[in-house]
Amino acid sequence: MSALDVLKDAMEQTEVPPHKLVCAVDLRVIMAGIDPELEPLRRWARNRLIADSKTPVVPLEPDEVATLAMFCGLSHEDFFQRLTGADG
């Protein structure tokens, strides 16, 4: 069993919704995305990279994810799933 599987099992057992956790995102991957609904996210990622090009992977707190979701017109949960590839 991989470490990711162990973490997923632990989260399911504690019933913590994944979108309520801190997630790490790679700004370069976000900028390469093609989903038109995530255009505000791409602009945000570009600005973050301009400000600090040495840190392309950044942590996002749940409130930051919720704010970015609002700018994209998506629910917090849907946005988190698109951002991380998580299954709910």
N, C-alpha and C. Protein backbone atom coordinates (compact mmCIF):
# COMPACT_ATOMS: atom_id res chain seq x y z
N MET A 1 0.85 -1.18 0.00
CA MET A 1 0.00 0.00 0.00
C MET A 1 0.90 1.24 0.00
N SER A 2 0.60 2.17 -0.89
CA SER A 2 1.41 3.39 -0.99
C SER A 2 1.07 4.35 0.15
N ALA A 3 1.95 5.32 0.35
CA ALA A 3 1.71 6.34 1.38
C ALA A 3 0.44 7.13 1.06
N LEU A 4 0.19 7.37 -0.23
CA LEU A 4 -1.01 8.09 -0.63
C LEU A 4 -2.26 7.30 -0.28
N ASP A 5 -2.21 5.97 -0.46
CA ASP A 5 -3.35 5.12 -0.10
C ASP A 5 -3.59 5.13 1.41
N VAL A 6 -2.50 5.10 2.18
CA VAL A 6 -2.62 5.14 3.64
C VAL A 6 -3.26 6.45 4.07
N LEU A 7 -2.81 7.56 3.49
CA LEU A 7 -3.38 8.86 3.82
C LEU A 7 -4.85 8.93 3.44
N LYS A 8 -5.19 8.44 2.27
CA LYS A 8 -6.59 8.45 1.83
C LYS A 8 -7.46 7.64 2.78
N ASP A 9 -6.99 6.45 3.17
CA ASP A 9 -7.74 5.62 4.12
C ASP A 9 -7.91 6.34 5.46
N ALA A 10 -6.86 6.97 5.94
CA ALA A 10 -6.93 7.69 7.22
C ALA A 10 -7.94 8.83 7.14
N MET A 11 -7.93 9.56 6.03
CA MET A 11 -8.88 10.67 5.87
C MET A 11 -10.31 10.15 5.83
N GLU A 12 -10.54 9.01 5.15
CA GLU A 12 -11.88 8.45 5.08
C GLU A 12 -12.34 8.00 6.46
N GLN A 13 -11.45 7.44 7.26
CA GLN A 13 -11.81 6.97 8.59
C GLN A 13 -12.12 8.13 9.53
N THR A 14 -11.45 9.24 9.37
CA THR A 14 -11.72 10.40 10.23
C THR A 14 -12.84 11.26 9.67
N GLU A 15 -13.28 10.95 8.47
CA GLU A 15 -14.37 11.66 7.81
C GLU A 15 -14.09 13.15 7.62
N VAL A 16 -12.83 13.49 7.36
CA VAL A 16 -12.45 14.87 7.06
C VAL A 16 -12.65 15.08 5.56
N PRO A 17 -13.52 16.01 5.18
CA PRO A 17 -13.67 16.29 3.75
C PRO A 17 -12.35 16.79 3.18
N PRO A 18 -11.88 16.22 2.08
CA PRO A 18 -10.58 16.62 1.53
C PRO A 18 -10.46 18.12 1.25
N HIS A 19 -11.57 18.75 0.85
CA HIS A 19 -11.48 20.18 0.52
C HIS A 19 -11.29 21.05 1.76
N LYS A 20 -11.32 20.45 2.94
CA LYS A 20 -11.07 21.18 4.18
C LYS A 20 -9.62 21.07 4.63
N LEU A 21 -8.77 20.46 3.81
CA LEU A 21 -7.36 20.28 4.14
C LEU A 21 -6.50 21.22 3.29
N VAL A 22 -5.29 21.46 3.75
CA VAL A 22 -4.32 22.22 2.96
C VAL A 22 -3.89 21.35 1.79
N CYS A 23 -3.79 21.94 0.62
CA CYS A 23 -3.29 21.18 -0.54
C CYS A 23 -2.14 21.96 -1.16
N ALA A 24 -1.25 21.22 -1.78
CA ALA A 24 -0.12 21.84 -2.49
C ALA A 24 -0.43 21.83 -3.98
N VAL A 25 -0.19 22.96 -4.63
CA VAL A 25 -0.43 23.04 -6.07
C VAL A 25 0.82 23.54 -6.77
N ASP A 26 1.02 23.03 -7.97
CA ASP A 26 2.15 23.45 -8.80
C ASP A 26 1.64 24.53 -9.75
N LEU A 27 2.10 25.73 -9.57
CA LEU A 27 1.62 26.85 -10.37
C LEU A 27 1.87 26.66 -11.85
N ARG A 28 2.95 25.97 -12.20
CA ARG A 28 3.26 25.72 -13.61
C ARG A 28 2.21 24.81 -14.24
N VAL A 29 1.73 23.84 -13.49
CA VAL A 29 0.69 22.93 -13.99
C VAL A 29 -0.62 23.69 -14.16
N ILE A 30 -0.93 24.55 -13.20
CA ILE A 30 -2.15 25.35 -13.30
C ILE A 30 -2.12 26.22 -14.56
N MET A 31 -0.98 26.84 -14.81
CA MET A 31 -0.88 27.72 -15.98
C MET A 31 -1.01 26.96 -17.29
N ALA A 32 -0.69 25.68 -17.29
CA ALA A 32 -0.79 24.87 -18.51
C ALA A 32 -2.20 24.33 -18.74
N GLY A 33 -3.11 24.53 -17.78
CA GLY A 33 -4.46 24.01 -17.89
C GLY A 33 -5.24 24.65 -19.03
N ILE A 34 -6.30 23.94 -19.46
CA ILE A 34 -7.08 24.44 -20.59
C ILE A 34 -8.56 24.69 -20.24
N ASP A 35 -8.99 24.34 -19.03
CA ASP A 35 -10.38 24.51 -18.63
C ASP A 35 -10.71 26.01 -18.58
N PRO A 36 -11.62 26.49 -19.44
CA PRO A 36 -11.92 27.93 -19.47
C PRO A 36 -12.49 28.46 -18.16
N GLU A 37 -13.16 27.61 -17.38
CA GLU A 37 -13.70 28.06 -16.10
C GLU A 37 -12.60 28.39 -15.10
N LEU A 38 -11.40 27.87 -15.33
CA LEU A 38 -10.31 28.10 -14.39
C LEU A 38 -9.38 29.23 -14.83
N GLU A 39 -9.82 30.07 -15.76
CA GLU A 39 -9.00 31.18 -16.22
C GLU A 39 -8.59 32.11 -15.06
N PRO A 40 -9.49 32.45 -14.12
CA PRO A 40 -9.04 33.28 -12.99
C PRO A 40 -7.93 32.61 -12.19
N LEU A 41 -7.97 31.30 -12.08
CA LEU A 41 -6.92 30.57 -11.38
C LEU A 41 -5.59 30.68 -12.13
N ARG A 42 -5.63 30.59 -13.45
CA ARG A 42 -4.40 30.72 -14.24
C ARG A 42 -3.79 32.11 -14.07
N ARG A 43 -4.61 33.13 -14.05
CA ARG A 43 -4.10 34.50 -13.85
C ARG A 43 -3.46 34.63 -12.47
N TRP A 44 -4.12 34.05 -11.46
CA TRP A 44 -3.58 34.06 -10.10
C TRP A 44 -2.23 33.35 -10.06
N ALA A 45 -2.14 32.18 -10.70
CA ALA A 45 -0.90 31.40 -10.71
C ALA A 45 0.22 32.19 -11.40
N ARG A 46 -0.11 32.83 -12.52
CA ARG A 46 0.89 33.63 -13.24
C ARG A 46 1.42 34.74 -12.34
N ASN A 47 0.53 35.43 -11.64
CA ASN A 47 0.96 36.52 -10.76
C ASN A 47 1.82 36.00 -9.61
N ARG A 48 1.47 34.84 -9.06
CA ARG A 48 2.29 34.25 -7.99
C ARG A 48 3.68 33.91 -8.49
N LEU A 49 3.75 33.36 -9.71
CA LEU A 49 5.06 33.01 -10.27
C LEU A 49 5.90 34.25 -10.58
N ILE A 50 5.25 35.30 -11.01
CA ILE A 50 5.97 36.56 -11.26
C ILE A 50 6.55 37.08 -9.95
N ALA A 51 5.77 36.99 -8.87
CA ALA A 51 6.22 37.48 -7.57
C ALA A 51 7.33 36.62 -6.98
N ASP A 52 7.29 35.29 -7.24
CA ASP A 52 8.28 34.39 -6.65
C ASP A 52 8.47 33.18 -7.56
N SER A 53 9.33 33.32 -8.54
CA SER A 53 9.54 32.23 -9.50
C SER A 53 10.32 31.06 -8.92
N LYS A 54 10.91 31.22 -7.74
CA LYS A 54 11.67 30.14 -7.12
C LYS A 54 10.79 29.17 -6.34
N THR A 55 9.51 29.50 -6.18
CA THR A 55 8.60 28.66 -5.42
C THR A 55 7.38 28.32 -6.28
N PRO A 56 7.54 27.39 -7.23
CA PRO A 56 6.41 27.06 -8.11
C PRO A 56 5.34 26.18 -7.45
N VAL A 57 5.68 25.50 -6.37
CA VAL A 57 4.70 24.68 -5.65
C VAL A 57 4.35 25.40 -4.36
N VAL A 58 3.07 25.71 -4.21
CA VAL A 58 2.63 26.49 -3.05
C VAL A 58 1.51 25.77 -2.31
N PRO A 59 1.47 25.94 -0.98
CA PRO A 59 0.36 25.38 -0.21
C PRO A 59 -0.84 26.32 -0.27
N LEU A 60 -2.02 25.74 -0.33
CA LEU A 60 -3.25 26.54 -0.29
C LEU A 60 -4.09 26.09 0.90
N GLU A 61 -4.41 27.03 1.76
CA GLU A 61 -5.29 26.78 2.89
C GLU A 61 -6.73 26.67 2.37
N PRO A 62 -7.59 25.98 3.11
CA PRO A 62 -8.98 25.84 2.66
C PRO A 62 -9.68 27.15 2.36
N ASP A 63 -9.41 28.21 3.14
CA ASP A 63 -10.06 29.50 2.85
C ASP A 63 -9.55 30.11 1.54
N GLU A 64 -8.30 29.86 1.19
CA GLU A 64 -7.77 30.33 -0.09
C GLU A 64 -8.41 29.57 -1.25
N VAL A 65 -8.60 28.27 -1.06
CA VAL A 65 -9.26 27.46 -2.09
C VAL A 65 -10.69 27.95 -2.28
N ALA A 66 -11.38 28.24 -1.17
CA ALA A 66 -12.76 28.72 -1.26
C ALA A 66 -12.83 30.06 -2.00
N THR A 67 -11.89 30.95 -1.74
CA THR A 67 -11.88 32.26 -2.41
C THR A 67 -11.61 32.09 -3.90
N LEU A 68 -10.62 31.27 -4.25
CA LEU A 68 -10.34 31.04 -5.67
C LEU A 68 -11.53 30.37 -6.36
N ALA A 69 -12.21 29.47 -5.66
CA ALA A 69 -13.40 28.82 -6.22
C ALA A 69 -14.47 29.86 -6.55
N MET A 70 -14.65 30.80 -5.64
CA MET A 70 -15.65 31.85 -5.85
C MET A 70 -15.32 32.66 -7.11
N PHE A 71 -14.04 33.00 -7.30
CA PHE A 71 -13.64 33.76 -8.48
C PHE A 71 -13.86 32.97 -9.77
N CYS A 72 -13.82 31.65 -9.67
CA CYS A 72 -14.03 30.80 -10.85
C CYS A 72 -15.50 30.43 -11.01
N GLY A 73 -16.35 30.84 -10.06
CA GLY A 73 -17.78 30.54 -10.14
C GLY A 73 -18.09 29.08 -9.86
N LEU A 74 -17.27 28.43 -9.02
CA LEU A 74 -17.46 27.02 -8.71
C LEU A 74 -17.65 26.84 -7.21
N SER A 75 -18.22 25.71 -6.84
CA SER A 75 -18.31 25.39 -5.41
C SER A 75 -16.91 25.06 -4.90
N HIS A 76 -16.73 25.21 -3.61
CA HIS A 76 -15.45 24.88 -2.97
C HIS A 76 -15.06 23.44 -3.31
N GLU A 77 -16.01 22.51 -3.19
CA GLU A 77 -15.73 21.10 -3.42
C GLU A 77 -15.37 20.81 -4.88
N ASP A 78 -16.14 21.37 -5.81
CA ASP A 78 -15.87 21.14 -7.24
C ASP A 78 -14.51 21.72 -7.62
N PHE A 79 -14.24 22.92 -7.14
CA PHE A 79 -12.97 23.56 -7.45
C PHE A 79 -11.81 22.73 -6.91
N PHE A 80 -11.93 22.25 -5.66
CA PHE A 80 -10.87 21.43 -5.05
C PHE A 80 -10.63 20.18 -5.89
N GLN A 81 -11.72 19.54 -6.33
CA GLN A 81 -11.57 18.34 -7.14
C GLN A 81 -10.84 18.63 -8.45
N ARG A 82 -11.17 19.73 -9.09
CA ARG A 82 -10.48 20.10 -10.34
C ARG A 82 -9.02 20.45 -10.08
N LEU A 83 -8.79 21.11 -8.97
CA LEU A 83 -7.43 21.54 -8.62
C LEU A 83 -6.52 20.37 -8.31
N THR A 84 -7.05 19.38 -7.61
CA THR A 84 -6.21 18.28 -7.12
C THR A 84 -6.43 16.96 -7.82
N GLY A 85 -7.53 16.84 -8.56
CA GLY A 85 -7.85 15.54 -9.16
C GLY A 85 -8.45 14.58 -8.16
N ALA A 86 -8.83 15.10 -6.97
CA ALA A 86 -9.41 14.26 -5.92
C ALA A 86 -10.81 13.82 -6.30
N ASP A 87 -11.23 12.70 -5.76
CA ASP A 87 -12.56 12.16 -6.02
C ASP A 87 -13.52 12.51 -4.91
N GLY A 88 -13.73 13.77 -4.66
CA GLY A 88 -14.70 14.18 -3.65
C GLY A 88 -14.18 14.18 -2.33
